[in-house]
């Protein structure tokens, strides 16, 4: 028996989004291109909601 939801589920398309921050392994935080900590940029957090880290688990958050 197949669950009902699988009849209507569709794969999620790839998002074409370049994050305005990168992971700094020395600080173990996401940083902006100018070196500031991404979690401290309130405008960025309002726009994105969070700064998800790309190091290790995708469930780790800097903020």
PDB file of N, CA and C in Angstrom:
ATOM      1  N   UNK A   1       0.830  -1.181   0.000  1.00  0.00           N
ATOM      2  CA  UNK A   1       0.000   0.000   0.000  1.00  0.00           C
ATOM      3  C   UNK A   1       0.883   1.255   0.000  1.00  0.00           C
ATOM      4  N   UNK A   2       0.585   2.183  -0.880  1.00  0.00           N
ATOM      5  CA  UNK A   2       1.354   3.423  -0.997  1.00  0.00           C
ATOM      6  C   UNK A   2       0.629   4.549  -0.251  1.00  0.00           C
ATOM      7  N   UNK A   3       1.365   5.317   0.573  1.00  0.00           N
ATOM      8  CA  UNK A   3       0.721   6.439   1.259  1.00  0.00           C
ATOM      9  C   UNK A   3       0.118   7.435   0.264  1.00  0.00           C
ATOM     10  N   UNK A   4      -1.024   8.010   0.630  1.00  0.00           N
ATOM     11  CA  UNK A   4      -1.765   8.939  -0.219  1.00  0.00           C
ATOM     12  C   UNK A   4      -0.900  10.102  -0.694  1.00  0.00           C
ATOM     13  N   UNK A   5      -0.078  10.656   0.187  1.00  0.00           N
ATOM     14  CA  UNK A   5       0.722  11.834  -0.150  1.00  0.00           C
ATOM     15  C   UNK A   5       1.703  11.572  -1.284  1.00  0.00           C
ATOM     16  N   UNK A   6       2.165  10.339  -1.423  1.00  0.00           N
ATOM     17  CA  UNK A   6       3.130  10.040  -2.482  1.00  0.00           C
ATOM     18  C   UNK A   6       2.522  10.139  -3.872  1.00  0.00           C
ATOM     19  N   UNK A   7       1.211  10.087  -3.979  1.00  0.00           N
ATOM     20  CA  UNK A   7       0.566  10.272  -5.281  1.00  0.00           C
ATOM     21  C   UNK A   7       0.715  11.706  -5.777  1.00  0.00           C
ATOM     22  N   UNK A   8       0.912  12.644  -4.873  1.00  0.00           N
ATOM     23  CA  UNK A   8       0.948  14.055  -5.232  1.00  0.00           C
ATOM     24  C   UNK A   8       2.287  14.728  -4.948  1.00  0.00           C
ATOM     25  N   UNK A   9       3.206  14.030  -4.346  1.00  0.00           N
ATOM     26  CA  UNK A   9       4.506  14.612  -4.009  1.00  0.00           C
ATOM     27  C   UNK A   9       5.331  14.834  -5.260  1.00  0.00           C
ATOM     28  N   UNK A  10       6.024  15.951  -5.287  1.00  0.00           N
ATOM     29  CA  UNK A  10       6.905  16.267  -6.411  1.00  0.00           C
ATOM     30  C   UNK A  10       8.280  16.620  -5.860  1.00  0.00           C
ATOM     31  N   UNK A  11       9.342  16.304  -6.585  1.00  0.00           N
ATOM     32  CA  UNK A  11      10.684  16.672  -6.105  1.00  0.00           C
ATOM     33  C   UNK A  11      10.837  18.191  -6.064  1.00  0.00           C
ATOM     34  N   UNK A  12      11.580  18.662  -5.087  1.00  0.00           N
ATOM     35  CA  UNK A  12      11.859  20.087  -4.967  1.00  0.00           C
ATOM     36  C   UNK A  12      12.946  20.449  -5.960  1.00  0.00           C
ATOM     37  N   UNK A  13      12.739  21.514  -6.693  1.00  0.00           N
ATOM     38  CA  UNK A  13      13.739  21.972  -7.652  1.00  0.00           C
ATOM     39  C   UNK A  13      14.918  22.593  -6.938  1.00  0.00           C
ATOM     40  N   UNK A  14      16.032  22.653  -7.603  1.00  0.00           N
ATOM     41  CA  UNK A  14      17.233  23.276  -7.043  1.00  0.00           C
ATOM     42  C   UNK A  14      17.033  24.783  -6.946  1.00  0.00           C
ATOM     43  N   UNK A  15      17.386  25.348  -5.804  1.00  0.00           N
ATOM     44  CA  UNK A  15      17.314  26.785  -5.634  1.00  0.00           C
ATOM     45  C   UNK A  15      18.578  27.423  -6.195  1.00  0.00           C
ATOM     46  N   UNK A  16      18.396  28.465  -6.984  1.00  0.00           N
ATOM     47  CA  UNK A  16      19.541  29.193  -7.517  1.00  0.00           C
ATOM     48  C   UNK A  16      19.732  30.419  -6.640  1.00  0.00           C
ATOM     49  N   UNK A  17      20.453  30.221  -5.549  1.00  0.00           N
ATOM     50  CA  UNK A  17      20.632  31.272  -4.563  1.00  0.00           C
ATOM     51  C   UNK A  17      22.072  31.239  -4.082  1.00  0.00           C
ATOM     52  N   UNK A  18      22.709  32.361  -4.142  1.00  0.00           N
ATOM     53  CA  UNK A  18      24.078  32.470  -3.631  1.00  0.00           C
ATOM     54  C   UNK A  18      24.018  33.232  -2.312  1.00  0.00           C
ATOM     55  N   UNK A  19      24.356  32.564  -1.238  1.00  0.00           N
ATOM     56  CA  UNK A  19      24.324  33.197   0.078  1.00  0.00           C
ATOM     57  C   UNK A  19      25.354  34.319   0.137  1.00  0.00           C
ATOM     58  N   UNK A  20      25.004  35.442   0.771  1.00  0.00           N
ATOM     59  CA  UNK A  20      25.945  36.562   0.867  1.00  0.00           C
ATOM     60  C   UNK A  20      26.972  36.374   1.984  1.00  0.00           C
ATOM     61  N   UNK A  21      27.111  35.141   2.466  1.00  0.00           N
ATOM     62  CA  UNK A  21      28.062  34.842   3.526  1.00  0.00           C
ATOM     63  C   UNK A  21      28.756  33.521   3.234  1.00  0.00           C
ATOM     64  N   UNK A  22      29.893  33.298   3.893  1.00  0.00           N
ATOM     65  CA  UNK A  22      30.637  32.041   3.750  1.00  0.00           C
ATOM     66  C   UNK A  22      30.990  31.529   5.139  1.00  0.00           C
ATOM     67  N   UNK A  23      31.263  30.248   5.247  1.00  0.00           N
ATOM     68  CA  UNK A  23      31.611  29.649   6.525  1.00  0.00           C
ATOM     69  C   UNK A  23      33.095  29.859   6.798  1.00  0.00           C
ATOM     70  N   UNK A  24      33.411  30.390   7.964  1.00  0.00           N
ATOM     71  CA  UNK A  24      34.792  30.577   8.406  1.00  0.00           C
ATOM     72  C   UNK A  24      35.107  29.483   9.418  1.00  0.00           C
ATOM     73  N   UNK A  25      35.954  28.525   9.035  1.00  0.00           N
ATOM     74  CA  UNK A  25      36.228  27.384   9.916  1.00  0.00           C
ATOM     75  C   UNK A  25      37.025  27.794  11.158  1.00  0.00           C
ATOM     76  N   UNK A  26      37.779  28.876  11.092  1.00  0.00           N
ATOM     77  CA  UNK A  26      38.519  29.354  12.256  1.00  0.00           C
ATOM     78  C   UNK A  26      37.591  29.909  13.331  1.00  0.00           C
ATOM     79  N   UNK A  27      36.624  30.702  12.904  1.00  0.00           N
ATOM     80  CA  UNK A  27      35.639  31.256  13.837  1.00  0.00           C
ATOM     81  C   UNK A  27      34.492  30.288  14.110  1.00  0.00           C
ATOM     82  N   UNK A  28      34.312  29.335  13.209  1.00  0.00           N
ATOM     83  CA  UNK A  28      33.189  28.400  13.225  1.00  0.00           C
ATOM     84  C   UNK A  28      31.866  29.154  13.169  1.00  0.00           C
ATOM     85  N   UNK A  29      31.837  30.177  12.326  1.00  0.00           N
ATOM     86  CA  UNK A  29      30.654  31.009  12.107  1.00  0.00           C
ATOM     87  C   UNK A  29      30.566  31.380  10.640  1.00  0.00           C
ATOM     88  N   UNK A  30      29.381  31.773  10.209  1.00  0.00           N
ATOM     89  CA  UNK A  30      29.230  32.342   8.881  1.00  0.00           C
ATOM     90  C   UNK A  30      29.612  33.811   8.946  1.00  0.00           C
ATOM     91  N   UNK A  31      30.414  34.250   7.987  1.00  0.00           N
ATOM     92  CA  UNK A  31      30.851  35.642   7.940  1.00  0.00           C
ATOM     93  C   UNK A  31      30.497  36.252   6.588  1.00  0.00           C
ATOM     94  N   UNK A  32      30.252  37.562   6.613  1.00  0.00           N
ATOM     95  CA  UNK A  32      29.972  38.299   5.384  1.00  0.00           C
ATOM     96  C   UNK A  32      31.271  38.541   4.643  1.00  0.00           C
ATOM     97  N   UNK A  33      31.174  39.019   3.426  1.00  0.00           N
ATOM     98  CA  UNK A  33      32.378  39.241   2.619  1.00  0.00           C
ATOM     99  C   UNK A  33      33.314  40.287   3.230  1.00  0.00           C
ATOM    100  N   UNK A  34      32.743  41.190   4.039  1.00  0.00           N
ATOM    101  CA  UNK A  34      33.590  42.208   4.662  1.00  0.00           C
ATOM    102  C   UNK A  34      34.159  41.751   5.999  1.00  0.00           C
ATOM    103  N   UNK A  35      33.911  40.484   6.390  1.00  0.00           N
ATOM    104  CA  UNK A  35      34.494  39.916   7.595  1.00  0.00           C
ATOM    105  C   UNK A  35      33.610  39.962   8.832  1.00  0.00           C
ATOM    106  N   UNK A  36      32.463  40.662   8.761  1.00  0.00           N
ATOM    107  CA  UNK A  36      31.561  40.716   9.910  1.00  0.00           C
ATOM    108  C   UNK A  36      30.823  39.389  10.063  1.00  0.00           C
ATOM    109  N   UNK A  37      30.439  39.051  11.305  1.00  0.00           N
ATOM    110  CA  UNK A  37      29.686  37.830  11.576  1.00  0.00           C
ATOM    111  C   UNK A  37      28.287  37.984  10.982  1.00  0.00           C
ATOM    112  N   UNK A  38      27.865  37.018  10.168  1.00  0.00           N
ATOM    113  CA  UNK A  38      26.582  37.102   9.463  1.00  0.00           C
ATOM    114  C   UNK A  38      25.403  37.156  10.428  1.00  0.00           C
ATOM    115  N   UNK A  39      25.478  36.451  11.549  1.00  0.00           N
ATOM    116  CA  UNK A  39      24.370  36.426  12.507  1.00  0.00           C
ATOM    117  C   UNK A  39      24.178  37.779  13.185  1.00  0.00           C
ATOM    118  N   UNK A  40      25.127  38.683  13.061  1.00  0.00           N
ATOM    119  CA  UNK A  40      25.011  40.010  13.641  1.00  0.00           C
ATOM    120  C   UNK A  40      24.431  41.039  12.688  1.00  0.00           C
ATOM    121  N   UNK A  41      24.190  40.651  11.447  1.00  0.00           N
ATOM    122  CA  UNK A  41      23.639  41.567  10.451  1.00  0.00           C
ATOM    123  C   UNK A  41      22.113  41.461  10.480  1.00  0.00           C
ATOM    124  N   UNK A  42      21.460  42.412  11.135  1.00  0.00           N
ATOM    125  CA  UNK A  42      20.008  42.338  11.332  1.00  0.00           C
ATOM    126  C   UNK A  42      19.232  42.414  10.027  1.00  0.00           C
ATOM    127  N   UNK A  43      19.708  43.195   9.065  1.00  0.00           N
ATOM    128  CA  UNK A  43      19.030  43.282   7.769  1.00  0.00           C
ATOM    129  C   UNK A  43      19.077  41.937   7.050  1.00  0.00           C
ATOM    130  N   UNK A  44      20.201  41.269   7.104  1.00  0.00           N
ATOM    131  CA  UNK A  44      20.339  39.952   6.480  1.00  0.00           C
ATOM    132  C   UNK A  44      19.408  38.935   7.138  1.00  0.00           C
ATOM    133  N   UNK A  45      19.347  38.959   8.465  1.00  0.00           N
ATOM    134  CA  UNK A  45      18.478  38.019   9.173  1.00  0.00           C
ATOM    135  C   UNK A  45      17.010  38.297   8.895  1.00  0.00           C
ATOM    136  N   UNK A  46      16.636  39.568   8.740  1.00  0.00           N
ATOM    137  CA  UNK A  46      15.240  39.887   8.397  1.00  0.00           C
ATOM    138  C   UNK A  46      14.908  39.347   7.013  1.00  0.00           C
ATOM    139  N   UNK A  47      15.868  39.435   6.096  1.00  0.00           N
ATOM    140  CA  UNK A  47      15.635  38.989   4.731  1.00  0.00           C
ATOM    141  C   UNK A  47      15.618  37.465   4.608  1.00  0.00           C
ATOM    142  N   UNK A  48      16.592  36.792   5.232  1.00  0.00           N
ATOM    143  CA  UNK A  48      16.745  35.350   5.076  1.00  0.00           C
ATOM    144  C   UNK A  48      16.101  34.545   6.197  1.00  0.00           C
ATOM    145  N   UNK A  49      15.937  35.137   7.361  1.00  0.00           N
ATOM    146  CA  UNK A  49      15.359  34.420   8.492  1.00  0.00           C
ATOM    147  C   UNK A  49      16.395  33.718   9.348  1.00  0.00           C
ATOM    148  N   UNK A  50      17.495  33.284   8.755  1.00  0.00           N
ATOM    149  CA  UNK A  50      18.549  32.580   9.488  1.00  0.00           C
ATOM    150  C   UNK A  50      19.793  32.505   8.629  1.00  0.00           C
ATOM    151  N   UNK A  51      20.892  32.136   9.222  1.00  0.00           N
ATOM    152  CA  UNK A  51      22.126  31.904   8.468  1.00  0.00           C
ATOM    153  C   UNK A  51      22.537  30.457   8.709  1.00  0.00           C
ATOM    154  N   UNK A  52      22.008  29.569   7.910  1.00  0.00           N
ATOM    155  CA  UNK A  52      22.296  28.153   8.073  1.00  0.00           C
ATOM    156  C   UNK A  52      23.734  27.859   7.696  1.00  0.00           C
ATOM    157  N   UNK A  53      24.420  27.150   8.533  1.00  0.00           N
ATOM    158  CA  UNK A  53      25.804  26.802   8.285  1.00  0.00           C
ATOM    159  C   UNK A  53      25.895  25.682   7.259  1.00  0.00           C
ATOM    160  N   UNK A  54      26.945  25.695   6.476  1.00  0.00           N
ATOM    161  CA  UNK A  54      27.168  24.615   5.511  1.00  0.00           C
ATOM    162  C   UNK A  54      28.179  23.614   6.034  1.00  0.00           C
ATOM    163  N   UNK A  55      28.644  23.794   7.255  1.00  0.00           N
ATOM    164  CA  UNK A  55      29.620  22.879   7.842  1.00  0.00           C
ATOM    165  C   UNK A  55      28.895  21.755   8.557  1.00  0.00           C
ATOM    166  N   UNK A  56      29.203  20.548   8.210  1.00  0.00           N
ATOM    167  CA  UNK A  56      28.597  19.397   8.894  1.00  0.00           C
ATOM    168  C   UNK A  56      27.114  19.309   8.653  1.00  0.00           C
ATOM    169  N   UNK A  57      26.352  19.299   9.704  1.00  0.00           N
ATOM    170  CA  UNK A  57      24.909  19.116   9.625  1.00  0.00           C
ATOM    171  C   UNK A  57      24.223  20.363   9.069  1.00  0.00           C
ATOM    172  N   UNK A  58      23.204  20.184   8.280  1.00  0.00           N
ATOM    173  CA  UNK A  58      22.424  21.286   7.754  1.00  0.00           C
ATOM    174  C   UNK A  58      21.451  21.834   8.797  1.00  0.00           C
ATOM    175  N   UNK A  59      21.418  21.250   9.974  1.00  0.00           N
ATOM    176  CA  UNK A  59      20.508  21.728  10.999  1.00  0.00           C
ATOM    177  C   UNK A  59      21.196  22.638  12.004  1.00  0.00           C
ATOM    178  N   UNK A  60      22.481  22.955  11.797  1.00  0.00           N
ATOM    179  CA  UNK A  60      23.212  23.832  12.711  1.00  0.00           C
ATOM    180  C   UNK A  60      22.967  25.287  12.319  1.00  0.00           C
ATOM    181  N   UNK A  61      22.607  26.110  13.292  1.00  0.00           N
ATOM    182  CA  UNK A  61      22.352  27.526  13.021  1.00  0.00           C
ATOM    183  C   UNK A  61      23.324  28.391  13.819  1.00  0.00           C
ATOM    184  N   UNK A  62      23.753  29.484  13.234  1.00  0.00           N
ATOM    185  CA  UNK A  62      24.677  30.403  13.891  1.00  0.00           C
ATOM    186  C   UNK A  62      23.977  31.369  14.820  1.00  0.00           C
ATOM    187  N   UNK A  63      22.691  31.556  14.645  1.00  0.00           N
ATOM    188  CA  UNK A  63      22.020  32.587  15.454  1.00  0.00           C
ATOM    189  C   UNK A  63      21.191  31.986  16.566  1.00  0.00           C
TER     190      UNK A  63
END
